[in-house]
Amino acid sequence: MAVTNETDNTPLPGTVFNPRQVRLLKIAVIVMGLLLVGGFAFVLAAIVYQASQIAKESTASAPALGGVDTELAIPTDATVTSLALDGDRLALHLSTPNGQELLVIDLKSGKVAARVRLKPQ
């Protein structure tokens, strides 16, 4: 008696697929499911890593609590009208009896980076 190794091409009841095709489909579904779970885990790990890097950079670049302790000499009769902060620069708008002035101060060094006297024309 000889045993033949022919593949059974008869479809399973209720389907058009044979047992070999069903087995391959099951393997494909399992592999794709594992890829989805692995990809999702990778995305979550990347988000956590990036968030931790941002936290490290912000604490490393933050100035010390004391910062620069300095005094800025302005005329005695001047008043600060407004101010604006941009990064490590502070702009002060001063009103004096002689006219308007703008002071740009470097906050890292505490020195005046620019002084602009505004005069009407």
PDB file of N, CA and C in Angstrom:
ATOM      1  N   MET A   1       0.813  -1.152   0.000  1.00  0.00           N
ATOM      2  CA  MET A   1       0.000   0.000   0.000  1.00  0.00           C
ATOM      3  C   MET A   1       0.876   1.241   0.000  1.00  0.00           C
ATOM      4  N   ALA A   2       0.673   2.079  -0.913  1.00  0.00           N
ATOM      5  CA  ALA A   2       1.472   3.282  -1.032  1.00  0.00           C
ATOM      6  C   ALA A   2       0.656   4.475  -0.542  1.00  0.00           C
ATOM      7  N   VAL A   3       1.329   5.323   0.241  1.00  0.00           N
ATOM      8  CA  VAL A   3       0.689   6.537   0.749  1.00  0.00           C
ATOM      9  C   VAL A   3       1.076   7.669  -0.175  1.00  0.00           C
ATOM     10  N   THR A   4       0.111   8.364  -0.676  1.00  0.00           N
ATOM     11  CA  THR A   4       0.401   9.493  -1.563  1.00  0.00           C
ATOM     12  C   THR A   4       0.385  10.782  -0.748  1.00  0.00           C
ATOM     13  N   ASN A   5       1.264  11.692  -1.061  1.00  0.00           N
ATOM     14  CA  ASN A   5       1.364  12.979  -0.386  1.00  0.00           C
ATOM     15  C   ASN A   5       0.720  14.074  -1.228  1.00  0.00           C
ATOM     16  N   GLU A   6      -0.391  13.805  -1.748  1.00  0.00           N
ATOM     17  CA  GLU A   6      -1.082  14.813  -2.533  1.00  0.00           C
ATOM     18  C   GLU A   6      -1.748  15.806  -1.593  1.00  0.00           C
ATOM     19  N   THR A   7      -1.718  17.056  -1.993  1.00  0.00           N
ATOM     20  CA  THR A   7      -2.400  18.056  -1.187  1.00  0.00           C
ATOM     21  C   THR A   7      -3.885  17.924  -1.405  1.00  0.00           C
ATOM     22  N   ASP A   8      -4.601  18.132  -0.332  1.00  0.00           N
ATOM     23  CA  ASP A   8      -6.047  18.024  -0.410  1.00  0.00           C
ATOM     24  C   ASP A   8      -6.595  19.351  -0.888  1.00  0.00           C
ATOM     25  N   ASN A   9      -7.063  19.379  -2.103  1.00  0.00           N
ATOM     26  CA  ASN A   9      -7.582  20.619  -2.682  1.00  0.00           C
ATOM     27  C   ASN A   9      -9.088  20.742  -2.520  1.00  0.00           C
ATOM     28  N   THR A  10      -9.649  19.928  -1.703  1.00  0.00           N
ATOM     29  CA  THR A  10     -11.083  20.030  -1.500  1.00  0.00           C
ATOM     30  C   THR A  10     -11.352  21.154  -0.507  1.00  0.00           C
ATOM     31  N   PRO A  11     -12.277  22.038  -0.840  1.00  0.00           N
ATOM     32  CA  PRO A  11     -12.550  23.151   0.064  1.00  0.00           C
ATOM     33  C   PRO A  11     -13.206  22.678   1.346  1.00  0.00           C
ATOM     34  N   LEU A  12     -12.984  23.444   2.387  1.00  0.00           N
ATOM     35  CA  LEU A  12     -13.626  23.167   3.665  1.00  0.00           C
ATOM     36  C   LEU A  12     -15.126  23.444   3.528  1.00  0.00           C
ATOM     37  N   PRO A  13     -15.914  22.788   4.328  1.00  0.00           N
ATOM     38  CA  PRO A  13     -17.355  23.008   4.203  1.00  0.00           C
ATOM     39  C   PRO A  13     -17.727  24.458   4.546  1.00  0.00           C
ATOM     40  N   GLY A  14     -18.507  25.081   3.697  1.00  0.00           N
ATOM     41  CA  GLY A  14     -18.974  26.440   3.910  1.00  0.00           C
ATOM     42  C   GLY A  14     -18.022  27.507   3.414  1.00  0.00           C
ATOM     43  N   THR A  15     -16.853  27.133   2.860  1.00  0.00           N
ATOM     44  CA  THR A  15     -15.890  28.115   2.345  1.00  0.00           C
ATOM     45  C   THR A  15     -15.399  27.685   0.973  1.00  0.00           C
ATOM     46  N   VAL A  16     -14.618  28.571   0.384  1.00  0.00           N
ATOM     47  CA  VAL A  16     -13.985  28.233  -0.885  1.00  0.00           C
ATOM     48  C   VAL A  16     -12.503  27.956  -0.693  1.00  0.00           C
ATOM     49  N   PHE A  17     -12.037  27.933   0.562  1.00  0.00           N
ATOM     50  CA  PHE A  17     -10.619  27.745   0.865  1.00  0.00           C
ATOM     51  C   PHE A  17     -10.341  26.300   1.257  1.00  0.00           C
ATOM     52  N   ASN A  18      -9.167  25.826   0.863  1.00  0.00           N
ATOM     53  CA  ASN A  18      -8.753  24.493   1.282  1.00  0.00           C
ATOM     54  C   ASN A  18      -7.966  24.596   2.590  1.00  0.00           C
ATOM     55  N   PRO A  19      -7.699  23.509   3.281  1.00  0.00           N
ATOM     56  CA  PRO A  19      -7.015  23.567   4.585  1.00  0.00           C
ATOM     57  C   PRO A  19      -5.650  24.261   4.538  1.00  0.00           C
ATOM     58  N   ARG A  20      -4.904  24.106   3.458  1.00  0.00           N
ATOM     59  CA  ARG A  20      -3.589  24.758   3.353  1.00  0.00           C
ATOM     60  C   ARG A  20      -3.742  26.278   3.318  1.00  0.00           C
ATOM     61  N   GLN A  21      -4.703  26.762   2.555  1.00  0.00           N
ATOM     62  CA  GLN A  21      -4.937  28.197   2.468  1.00  0.00           C
ATOM     63  C   GLN A  21      -5.399  28.764   3.815  1.00  0.00           C
ATOM     64  N   VAL A  22      -6.211  28.037   4.533  1.00  0.00           N
ATOM     65  CA  VAL A  22      -6.673  28.485   5.846  1.00  0.00           C
ATOM     66  C   VAL A  22      -5.492  28.564   6.811  1.00  0.00           C
ATOM     67  N   ARG A  23      -4.605  27.576   6.770  1.00  0.00           N
ATOM     68  CA  ARG A  23      -3.424  27.576   7.634  1.00  0.00           C
ATOM     69  C   ARG A  23      -2.521  28.773   7.311  1.00  0.00           C
ATOM     70  N   LEU A  24      -2.296  29.065   6.030  1.00  0.00           N
ATOM     71  CA  LEU A  24      -1.482  30.221   5.633  1.00  0.00           C
ATOM     72  C   LEU A  24      -2.149  31.530   6.051  1.00  0.00           C
ATOM     73  N   LEU A  25      -3.473  31.591   5.937  1.00  0.00           N
ATOM     74  CA  LEU A  25      -4.193  32.788   6.355  1.00  0.00           C
ATOM     75  C   LEU A  25      -4.064  33.015   7.855  1.00  0.00           C
ATOM     76  N   LYS A  26      -4.142  31.960   8.638  1.00  0.00           N
ATOM     77  CA  LYS A  26      -3.978  32.077  10.094  1.00  0.00           C
ATOM     78  C   LYS A  26      -2.575  32.584  10.446  1.00  0.00           C
ATOM     79  N   ILE A  27      -1.568  32.060   9.766  1.00  0.00           N
ATOM     80  CA  ILE A  27      -0.187  32.502  10.015  1.00  0.00           C
ATOM     81  C   ILE A  27      -0.035  33.979   9.650  1.00  0.00           C
ATOM     82  N   ALA A  28      -0.606  34.387   8.521  1.00  0.00           N
ATOM     83  CA  ALA A  28      -0.514  35.792   8.088  1.00  0.00           C
ATOM     84  C   ALA A  28      -1.199  36.710   9.093  1.00  0.00           C
ATOM     85  N   VAL A  29      -2.360  36.301   9.607  1.00  0.00           N
ATOM     86  CA  VAL A  29      -3.081  37.127  10.577  1.00  0.00           C
ATOM     87  C   VAL A  29      -2.276  37.241  11.875  1.00  0.00           C
ATOM     88  N   ILE A  30      -1.673  36.165  12.327  1.00  0.00           N
ATOM     89  CA  ILE A  30      -0.866  36.203  13.561  1.00  0.00           C
ATOM     90  C   ILE A  30       0.349  37.102  13.379  1.00  0.00           C
ATOM     91  N   VAL A  31       1.033  36.977  12.247  1.00  0.00           N
ATOM     92  CA  VAL A  31       2.225  37.805  11.997  1.00  0.00           C
ATOM     93  C   VAL A  31       1.845  39.279  11.925  1.00  0.00           C
ATOM     94  N   MET A  32       0.761  39.614  11.231  1.00  0.00           N
ATOM     95  CA  MET A  32       0.348  41.014  11.130  1.00  0.00           C
ATOM     96  C   MET A  32      -0.100  41.563  12.478  1.00  0.00           C
ATOM     97  N   GLY A  33      -0.745  40.731  13.284  1.00  0.00           N
ATOM     98  CA  GLY A  33      -1.127  41.160  14.628  1.00  0.00           C
ATOM     99  C   GLY A  33       0.090  41.467  15.480  1.00  0.00           C
ATOM    100  N   LEU A  34       1.110  40.604  15.384  1.00  0.00           N
ATOM    101  CA  LEU A  34       2.347  40.860  16.138  1.00  0.00           C
ATOM    102  C   LEU A  34       3.035  42.132  15.653  1.00  0.00           C
ATOM    103  N   LEU A  35       3.015  42.373  14.347  1.00  0.00           N
ATOM    104  CA  LEU A  35       3.604  43.607  13.811  1.00  0.00           C
ATOM    105  C   LEU A  35       2.852  44.836  14.319  1.00  0.00           C
ATOM    106  N   LEU A  36       1.532  44.763  14.388  1.00  0.00           N
ATOM    107  CA  LEU A  36       0.759  45.888  14.905  1.00  0.00           C
ATOM    108  C   LEU A  36       1.081  46.153  16.370  1.00  0.00           C
ATOM    109  N   VAL A  37       1.125  45.117  17.182  1.00  0.00           N
ATOM    110  CA  VAL A  37       1.422  45.289  18.604  1.00  0.00           C
ATOM    111  C   VAL A  37       2.844  45.813  18.787  1.00  0.00           C
ATOM    112  N   GLY A  38       3.794  45.278  18.032  1.00  0.00           N
ATOM    113  CA  GLY A  38       5.175  45.742  18.121  1.00  0.00           C
ATOM    114  C   GLY A  38       5.328  47.188  17.664  1.00  0.00           C
ATOM    115  N   GLY A  39       4.656  47.551  16.586  1.00  0.00           N
ATOM    116  CA  GLY A  39       4.720  48.934  16.102  1.00  0.00           C
ATOM    117  C   GLY A  39       4.106  49.904  17.086  1.00  0.00           C
ATOM    118  N   PHE A  40       2.990  49.522  17.700  1.00  0.00           N
ATOM    119  CA  PHE A  40       2.357  50.371  18.704  1.00  0.00           C
ATOM    120  C   PHE A  40       3.275  50.551  19.910  1.00  0.00           C
ATOM    121  N   ALA A  41       3.921  49.480  20.347  1.00  0.00           N
ATOM    122  CA  ALA A  41       4.859  49.570  21.468  1.00  0.00           C
ATOM    123  C   ALA A  41       6.038  50.476  21.100  1.00  0.00           C
ATOM    124  N   PHE A  42       6.514  50.380  19.862  1.00  0.00           N
ATOM    125  CA  PHE A  42       7.623  51.228  19.419  1.00  0.00           C
ATOM    126  C   PHE A  42       7.233  52.700  19.416  1.00  0.00           C
ATOM    127  N   VAL A  43       6.031  53.009  18.932  1.00  0.00           N
ATOM    128  CA  VAL A  43       5.569  54.403  18.906  1.00  0.00           C
ATOM    129  C   VAL A  43       5.448  54.954  20.323  1.00  0.00           C
ATOM    130  N   LEU A  44       4.892  54.177  21.238  1.00  0.00           N
ATOM    131  CA  LEU A  44       4.791  54.627  22.631  1.00  0.00           C
ATOM    132  C   LEU A  44       6.171  54.839  23.244  1.00  0.00           C
ATOM    133  N   ALA A  45       7.104  53.936  22.982  1.00  0.00           N
ATOM    134  CA  ALA A  45       8.461  54.088  23.508  1.00  0.00           C
ATOM    135  C   ALA A  45       9.128  55.337  22.934  1.00  0.00           C
ATOM    136  N   ALA A  46       8.917  55.625  21.658  1.00  0.00           N
ATOM    137  CA  ALA A  46       9.498  56.824  21.036  1.00  0.00           C
ATOM    138  C   ALA A  46       8.914  58.092  21.645  1.00  0.00           C
ATOM    139  N   ILE A  47       7.605  58.089  21.930  1.00  0.00           N
ATOM    140  CA  ILE A  47       6.978  59.262  22.550  1.00  0.00           C
ATOM    141  C   ILE A  47       7.543  59.493  23.941  1.00  0.00           C
ATOM    142  N   VAL A  48       7.679  58.432  24.720  1.00  0.00           N
ATOM    143  CA  VAL A  48       8.232  58.560  26.071  1.00  0.00           C
ATOM    144  C   VAL A  48       9.676  59.046  26.008  1.00  0.00           C
ATOM    145  N   TYR A  49      10.461  58.514  25.074  1.00  0.00           N
ATOM    146  CA  TYR A  49      11.860  58.935  24.936  1.00  0.00           C
ATOM    147  C   TYR A  49      11.956  60.412  24.567  1.00  0.00           C
ATOM    148  N   GLN A  50      11.158  60.858  23.580  1.00  0.00           N
ATOM    149  CA  GLN A  50      11.202  62.257  23.169  1.00  0.00           C
ATOM    150  C   GLN A  50      10.757  63.181  24.298  1.00  0.00           C
ATOM    151  N   ALA A  51       9.737  62.775  25.032  1.00  0.00           N
ATOM    152  CA  ALA A  51       9.267  63.600  26.146  1.00  0.00           C
ATOM    153  C   ALA A  51      10.330  63.709  27.231  1.00  0.00           C
ATOM    154  N   SER A  52      11.065  62.634  27.477  1.00  0.00           N
ATOM    155  CA  SER A  52      12.110  62.701  28.501  1.00  0.00           C
ATOM    156  C   SER A  52      13.276  63.562  28.031  1.00  0.00           C
ATOM    157  N   GLN A  53      13.571  63.566  26.731  1.00  0.00           N
ATOM    158  CA  GLN A  53      14.641  64.415  26.211  1.00  0.00           C
ATOM    159  C   GLN A  53      14.271  65.884  26.312  1.00  0.00           C
ATOM    160  N   ILE A  54      13.012  66.220  26.058  1.00  0.00           N
ATOM    161  CA  ILE A  54      12.566  67.613  26.179  1.00  0.00           C
ATOM    162  C   ILE A  54      12.667  68.066  27.621  1.00  0.00           C
ATOM    163  N   ALA A  55      12.299  67.199  28.545  1.00  0.00           N
ATOM    164  CA  ALA A  55      12.372  67.551  29.962  1.00  0.00           C
ATOM    165  C   ALA A  55      13.826  67.769  30.384  1.00  0.00           C
ATOM    166  N   LYS A  56      14.739  66.949  29.885  1.00  0.00           N
ATOM    167  CA  LYS A  56      16.157  67.109  30.233  1.00  0.00           C
ATOM    168  C   LYS A  56      16.711  68.415  29.663  1.00  0.00           C
ATOM    169  N   GLU A  57      16.335  68.749  28.407  1.00  0.00           N
ATOM    170  CA  GLU A  57      16.830  69.968  27.787  1.00  0.00           C
ATOM    171  C   GLU A  57      16.303  71.207  28.490  1.00  0.00           C
ATOM    172  N   SER A  58      15.039  71.182  28.892  1.00  0.00           N
ATOM    173  CA  SER A  58      14.470  72.370  29.522  1.00  0.00           C
ATOM    174  C   SER A  58      15.065  72.590  30.901  1.00  0.00           C
ATOM    175  N   THR A  59      15.381  71.522  31.635  1.00  0.00           N
ATOM    176  CA  THR A  59      16.000  71.716  32.947  1.00  0.00           C
ATOM    177  C   THR A  59      17.465  72.099  32.800  1.00  0.00           C
ATOM    178  N   ALA A  60      18.121  71.630  31.750  1.00  0.00           N
ATOM    179  CA  ALA A  60      19.530  71.970  31.560  1.00  0.00           C
ATOM    180  C   ALA A  60      19.702  73.416  31.118  1.00  0.00           C
ATOM    181  N   SER A  61      18.771  73.935  30.306  1.00  0.00           N
ATOM    182  CA  SER A  61      18.930  75.289  29.796  1.00  0.00           C
ATOM    183  C   SER A  61      18.271  76.339  30.691  1.00  0.00           C
ATOM    184  N   ALA A  62      17.531  75.914  31.695  1.00  0.00           N
ATOM    185  CA  ALA A  62      16.871  76.877  32.579  1.00  0.00           C
ATOM    186  C   ALA A  62      17.913  77.569  33.449  1.00  0.00           C
ATOM    187  N   PRO A  63      17.805  78.872  33.616  1.00  0.00           N
ATOM    188  CA  PRO A  63      18.774  79.570  34.446  1.00  0.00           C
ATOM    189  C   PRO A  63      18.577  79.221  35.919  1.00  0.00           C
ATOM    190  N   ALA A  64      19.621  79.460  36.677  1.00  0.00           N
ATOM    191  CA  ALA A  64      19.540  79.210  38.109  1.00  0.00           C
ATOM    192  C   ALA A  64      18.514  80.147  38.722  1.00  0.00           C
ATOM    193  N   LEU A  65      18.047  79.810  39.896  1.00  0.00           N
ATOM    194  CA  LEU A  65      17.011  80.623  40.534  1.00  0.00           C
ATOM    195  C   LEU A  65      17.478  82.046  40.762  1.00  0.00           C
ATOM    196  N   GLY A  66      18.740  82.210  41.077  1.00  0.00           N
ATOM    197  CA  GLY A  66      19.248  83.549  41.337  1.00  0.00           C
ATOM    198  C   GLY A  66      19.361  84.377  40.077  1.00  0.00           C
ATOM    199  N   GLY A  67      19.779  83.770  38.966  1.00  0.00           N
ATOM    200  CA  GLY A  67      19.963  84.491  37.722  1.00  0.00           C
ATOM    201  C   GLY A  67      21.033  85.561  37.875  1.00  0.00           C
ATOM    202  N   VAL A  68      20.931  86.604  37.100  1.00  0.00           N
ATOM    203  CA  VAL A  68      21.854  87.728  37.171  1.00  0.00           C
ATOM    204  C   VAL A  68      21.245  88.772  38.094  1.00  0.00           C
ATOM    205  N   ASP A  69      21.999  89.151  39.086  1.00  0.00           N
ATOM    206  CA  ASP A  69      21.532  90.184  40.014  1.00  0.00           C
ATOM    207  C   ASP A  69      22.261  91.471  39.656  1.00  0.00           C
ATOM    208  N   THR A  70      21.534  92.391  39.052  1.00  0.00           N
ATOM    209  CA  THR A  70      22.151  93.629  38.607  1.00  0.00           C
ATOM    210  C   THR A  70      21.180  94.785  38.790  1.00  0.00           C
ATOM    211  N   GLU A  71      21.722  95.968  38.716  1.00  0.00           N
ATOM    212  CA  GLU A  71      20.905  97.175  38.792  1.00  0.00           C
ATOM    213  C   GLU A  71      21.029  97.912  37.478  1.00  0.00           C
ATOM    214  N   LEU A  72      19.930  98.500  37.048  1.00  0.00           N
ATOM    215  CA  LEU A  72      19.914  99.259  35.809  1.00  0.00           C
ATOM    216  C   LEU A  72      19.680 100.724  36.150  1.00  0.00           C
ATOM    217  N   ALA A  73      20.608 101.549  35.771  1.00  0.00           N
ATOM    218  CA  ALA A  73      20.493 102.977  36.061  1.00  0.00           C
ATOM    219  C   ALA A  73      19.675 103.656  34.970  1.00  0.00           C
ATOM    220  N   ILE A  74      18.555 104.250  35.376  1.00  0.00           N
ATOM    221  CA  ILE A  74      17.748 105.055  34.465  1.00  0.00           C
ATOM    222  C   ILE A  74      17.659 106.454  35.076  1.00  0.00           C
ATOM    223  N   PRO A  75      17.369 107.453  34.278  1.00  0.00           N
ATOM    224  CA  PRO A  75      17.269 108.806  34.827  1.00  0.00           C
ATOM    225  C   PRO A  75      16.224 108.860  35.941  1.00  0.00           C
ATOM    226  N   THR A  76      16.462 109.739  36.919  1.00  0.00           N
ATOM    227  CA  THR A  76      15.581 109.807  38.083  1.00  0.00           C
ATOM    228  C   THR A  76      14.168 110.245  37.719  1.00  0.00           C
ATOM    229  N   ASP A  77      14.012 111.045  36.683  1.00  0.00           N
ATOM    230  CA  ASP A  77      12.689 111.523  36.307  1.00  0.00           C
ATOM    231  C   ASP A  77      12.047 110.663  35.209  1.00  0.00           C
ATOM    232  N   ALA A  78      12.618 109.493  34.916  1.00  0.00           N
ATOM    233  CA  ALA A  78      12.091 108.606  33.875  1.00  0.00           C
ATOM    234  C   ALA A  78      11.125 107.601  34.482  1.00  0.00           C
ATOM    235  N   THR A  79      10.143 107.236  33.706  1.00  0.00           N
ATOM    236  CA  THR A  79       9.214 106.190  34.117  1.00  0.00           C
ATOM    237  C   THR A  79       9.182 105.113  33.039  1.00  0.00           C
ATOM    238  N   VAL A  80       9.004 103.887  33.480  1.00  0.00           N
ATOM    239  CA  VAL A  80       8.916 102.767  32.540  1.00  0.00           C
ATOM    240  C   VAL A  80       7.483 102.707  32.027  1.00  0.00           C
ATOM    241  N   THR A  81       7.312 102.942  30.729  1.00  0.00           N
ATOM    242  CA  THR A  81       5.990 102.941  30.122  1.00  0.00           C
ATOM    243  C   THR A  81       5.532 101.526  29.810  1.00  0.00           C
ATOM    244  N   SER A  82       6.409 100.730  29.217  1.00  0.00           N
ATOM    245  CA  SER A  82       6.077  99.339  28.903  1.00  0.00           C
ATOM    246  C   SER A  82       7.363  98.541  28.801  1.00  0.00           C
ATOM    247  N   LEU A  83       7.203  97.235  28.772  1.00  0.00           N
ATOM    248  CA  LEU A  83       8.360  96.367  28.586  1.00  0.00           C
ATOM    249  C   LEU A  83       7.928  95.153  27.793  1.00  0.00           C
ATOM    250  N   ALA A  84       8.899  94.526  27.153  1.00  0.00           N
ATOM    251  CA  ALA A  84       8.644  93.330  26.349  1.00  0.00           C
ATOM    252  C   ALA A  84       9.823  92.387  26.518  1.00  0.00           C
ATOM    253  N   LEU A  85       9.517  91.101  26.597  1.00  0.00           N
ATOM    254  CA  LEU A  85      10.533  90.079  26.782  1.00  0.00           C
ATOM    255  C   LEU A  85      10.566  89.193  25.552  1.00  0.00           C
ATOM    256  N   ASP A  86      11.761  88.961  25.025  1.00  0.00           N
ATOM    257  CA  ASP A  86      11.934  88.071  23.881  1.00  0.00           C
ATOM    258  C   ASP A  86      13.182  87.245  24.105  1.00  0.00           C
ATOM    259  N   GLY A  87      12.999  86.002  24.521  1.00  0.00           N
ATOM    260  CA  GLY A  87      14.144  85.136  24.786  1.00  0.00           C
ATOM    261  C   GLY A  87      14.923  85.646  25.972  1.00  0.00           C
ATOM    262  N   ASP A  88      16.181  85.989  25.750  1.00  0.00           N
ATOM    263  CA  ASP A  88      17.018  86.514  26.832  1.00  0.00           C
ATOM    264  C   ASP A  88      17.241  88.026  26.694  1.00  0.00           C
ATOM    265  N   ARG A  89      16.346  88.700  25.992  1.00  0.00           N
ATOM    266  CA  ARG A  89      16.419  90.156  25.836  1.00  0.00           C
ATOM    267  C   ARG A  89      15.159  90.796  26.418  1.00  0.00           C
ATOM    268  N   LEU A  90      15.352  91.916  27.090  1.00  0.00           N
ATOM    269  CA  LEU A  90      14.249  92.680  27.659  1.00  0.00           C
ATOM    270  C   LEU A  90      14.293  94.084  27.070  1.00  0.00           C
ATOM    271  N   ALA A  91      13.167  94.541  26.546  1.00  0.00           N
ATOM    272  CA  ALA A  91      13.076  95.884  25.986  1.00  0.00           C
ATOM    273  C   ALA A  91      12.231  96.741  26.920  1.00  0.00           C
ATOM    274  N   LEU A  92      12.780  97.865  27.348  1.00  0.00           N
ATOM    275  CA  LEU A  92      12.069  98.815  28.207  1.00  0.00           C
ATOM    276  C   LEU A  92      11.783 100.079  27.419  1.00  0.00           C
ATOM    277  N   HIS A  93      10.566 100.580  27.550  1.00  0.00           N
ATOM    278  CA  HIS A  93      10.198 101.846  26.941  1.00  0.00           C
ATOM    279  C   HIS A  93      10.131 102.865  28.074  1.00  0.00           C
ATOM    280  N   LEU A  94      11.001 103.849  28.032  1.00  0.00           N
ATOM    281  CA  LEU A  94      11.095 104.859  29.083  1.00  0.00           C
ATOM    282  C   LEU A  94      10.527 106.177  28.589  1.00  0.00           C
ATOM    283  N   SER A  95       9.795 106.829  29.468  1.00  0.00           N
ATOM    284  CA  SER A  95       9.324 108.190  29.197  1.00  0.00           C
ATOM    285  C   SER A  95      10.112 109.139  30.081  1.00  0.00           C
ATOM    286  N   THR A  96      10.810 110.068  29.466  1.00  0.00           N
ATOM    287  CA  THR A  96      11.597 111.064  30.197  1.00  0.00           C
ATOM    288  C   THR A  96      11.153 112.454  29.761  1.00  0.00           C
ATOM    289  N   PRO A  97      11.495 113.481  30.534  1.00  0.00           N
ATOM    290  CA  PRO A  97      11.154 114.841  30.096  1.00  0.00           C
ATOM    291  C   PRO A  97      11.830 115.215  28.776  1.00  0.00           C
ATOM    292  N   ASN A  98      12.958 114.611  28.469  1.00  0.00           N
ATOM    293  CA  ASN A  98      13.669 114.901  27.226  1.00  0.00           C
ATOM    294  C   ASN A  98      13.108 114.137  26.033  1.00  0.00           C
ATOM    295  N   GLY A  99      12.233 113.164  26.259  1.00  0.00           N
ATOM    296  CA  GLY A  99      11.667 112.369  25.166  1.00  0.00           C
ATOM    297  C   GLY A  99      11.555 110.900  25.556  1.00  0.00           C
ATOM    298  N   GLN A 100      11.294 110.111  24.560  1.00  0.00           N
ATOM    299  CA  GLN A 100      11.119 108.672  24.761  1.00  0.00           C
ATOM    300  C   GLN A 100      12.433 107.941  24.486  1.00  0.00           C
ATOM    301  N   GLU A 101      12.659 106.843  25.224  1.00  0.00           N
ATOM    302  CA  GLU A 101      13.851 106.014  25.016  1.00  0.00           C
ATOM    303  C   GLU A 101      13.447 104.551  25.024  1.00  0.00           C
ATOM    304  N   LEU A 102      14.208 103.765  24.289  1.00  0.00           N
ATOM    305  CA  LEU A 102      14.087 102.312  24.326  1.00  0.00           C
ATOM    306  C   LEU A 102      15.401 101.741  24.809  1.00  0.00           C
ATOM    307  N   LEU A 103      15.338 100.882  25.806  1.00  0.00           N
ATOM    308  CA  LEU A 103      16.523 100.184  26.293  1.00  0.00           C
ATOM    309  C   LEU A 103      16.353  98.701  26.017  1.00  0.00           C
ATOM    310  N   VAL A 104      17.359  98.079  25.425  1.00  0.00           N
ATOM    311  CA  VAL A 104      17.361  96.635  25.216  1.00  0.00           C
ATOM    312  C   VAL A 104      18.424  96.063  26.135  1.00  0.00           C
ATOM    313  N   ILE A 105      18.012  95.164  27.023  1.00  0.00           N
ATOM    314  CA  ILE A 105      18.908  94.625  28.052  1.00  0.00           C
ATOM    315  C   ILE A 105      19.105  93.147  27.809  1.00  0.00           C
ATOM    316  N   ASP A 106      20.362  92.716  27.833  1.00  0.00           N
ATOM    317  CA  ASP A 106      20.695  91.297  27.747  1.00  0.00           C
ATOM    318  C   ASP A 106      20.554  90.714  29.149  1.00  0.00           C
ATOM    319  N   LEU A 107      19.611  89.801  29.337  1.00  0.00           N
ATOM    320  CA  LEU A 107      19.330  89.288  30.667  1.00  0.00           C
ATOM    321  C   LEU A 107      20.405  88.331  31.175  1.00  0.00           C
ATOM    322  N   LYS A 108      21.174  87.728  30.282  1.00  0.00           N
ATOM    323  CA  LYS A 108      22.241  86.819  30.725  1.00  0.00           C
ATOM    324  C   LYS A 108      23.370  87.584  31.394  1.00  0.00           C
ATOM    325  N   SER A 109      23.730  88.709  30.802  1.00  0.00           N
ATOM    326  CA  SER A 109      24.834  89.485  31.368  1.00  0.00           C
ATOM    327  C   SER A 109      24.342  90.636  32.237  1.00  0.00           C
ATOM    328  N   GLY A 110      23.104  91.080  32.044  1.00  0.00           N
ATOM    329  CA  GLY A 110      22.572  92.197  32.798  1.00  0.00           C
ATOM    330  C   GLY A 110      23.009  93.546  32.262  1.00  0.00           C
ATOM    331  N   LYS A 111      23.595  93.572  31.078  1.00  0.00           N
ATOM    332  CA  LYS A 111      24.089  94.826  30.505  1.00  0.00           C
ATOM    333  C   LYS A 111      23.129  95.349  29.441  1.00  0.00           C
ATOM    334  N   VAL A 112      23.198  96.654  29.221  1.00  0.00           N
ATOM    335  CA  VAL A 112      22.376  97.287  28.192  1.00  0.00           C
ATOM    336  C   VAL A 112      22.979  96.947  26.834  1.00  0.00           C
ATOM    337  N   ALA A 113      22.198  96.265  25.997  1.00  0.00           N
ATOM    338  CA  ALA A 113      22.670  95.886  24.669  1.00  0.00           C
ATOM    339  C   ALA A 113      22.482  97.027  23.680  1.00  0.00           C
ATOM    340  N   ALA A 114      21.413  97.821  23.874  1.00  0.00           N
ATOM    341  CA  ALA A 114      21.159  98.933  22.968  1.00  0.00           C
ATOM    342  C   ALA A 114      20.332  99.988  23.686  1.00  0.00           C
ATOM    343  N   ARG A 115      20.593 101.254  23.334  1.00  0.00           N
ATOM    344  CA  ARG A 115      19.814 102.373  23.860  1.00  0.00           C
ATOM    345  C   ARG A 115      19.414 103.222  22.660  1.00  0.00           C
ATOM    346  N   VAL A 116      18.116 103.405  22.496  1.00  0.00           N
ATOM    347  CA  VAL A 116      17.600 104.165  21.354  1.00  0.00           C
ATOM    348  C   VAL A 116      16.804 105.342  21.904  1.00  0.00           C
ATOM    349  N   ARG A 117      17.247 106.549  21.544  1.00  0.00           N
ATOM    350  CA  ARG A 117      16.517 107.755  21.933  1.00  0.00           C
ATOM    351  C   ARG A 117      15.596 108.145  20.782  1.00  0.00           C
ATOM    352  N   LEU A 118      14.326 108.241  21.058  1.00  0.00           N
ATOM    353  CA  LEU A 118      13.358 108.577  20.035  1.00  0.00           C
ATOM    354  C   LEU A 118      13.156 110.095  20.036  1.00  0.00           C
ATOM    355  N   LYS A 119      13.271 110.704  18.864  1.00  0.00           N
ATOM    356  CA  LYS A 119      13.052 112.144  18.783  1.00  0.00           C
ATOM    357  C   LYS A 119      12.082 112.431  17.644  1.00  0.00           C
ATOM    358  N   PRO A 120      11.164 113.319  17.888  1.00  0.00           N
ATOM    359  CA  PRO A 120      10.180 113.646  16.848  1.00  0.00           C
ATOM    360  C   PRO A 120      10.853 114.433  15.723  1.00  0.00           C
ATOM    361  N   GLN A 121      10.297 114.336  14.544  1.00  0.00           N
ATOM    362  CA  GLN A 121      10.848 115.067  13.398  1.00  0.00           C
ATOM    363  C   GLN A 121       9.905 116.155  12.972  1.00  0.00           C
TER     364      GLN A 121
END
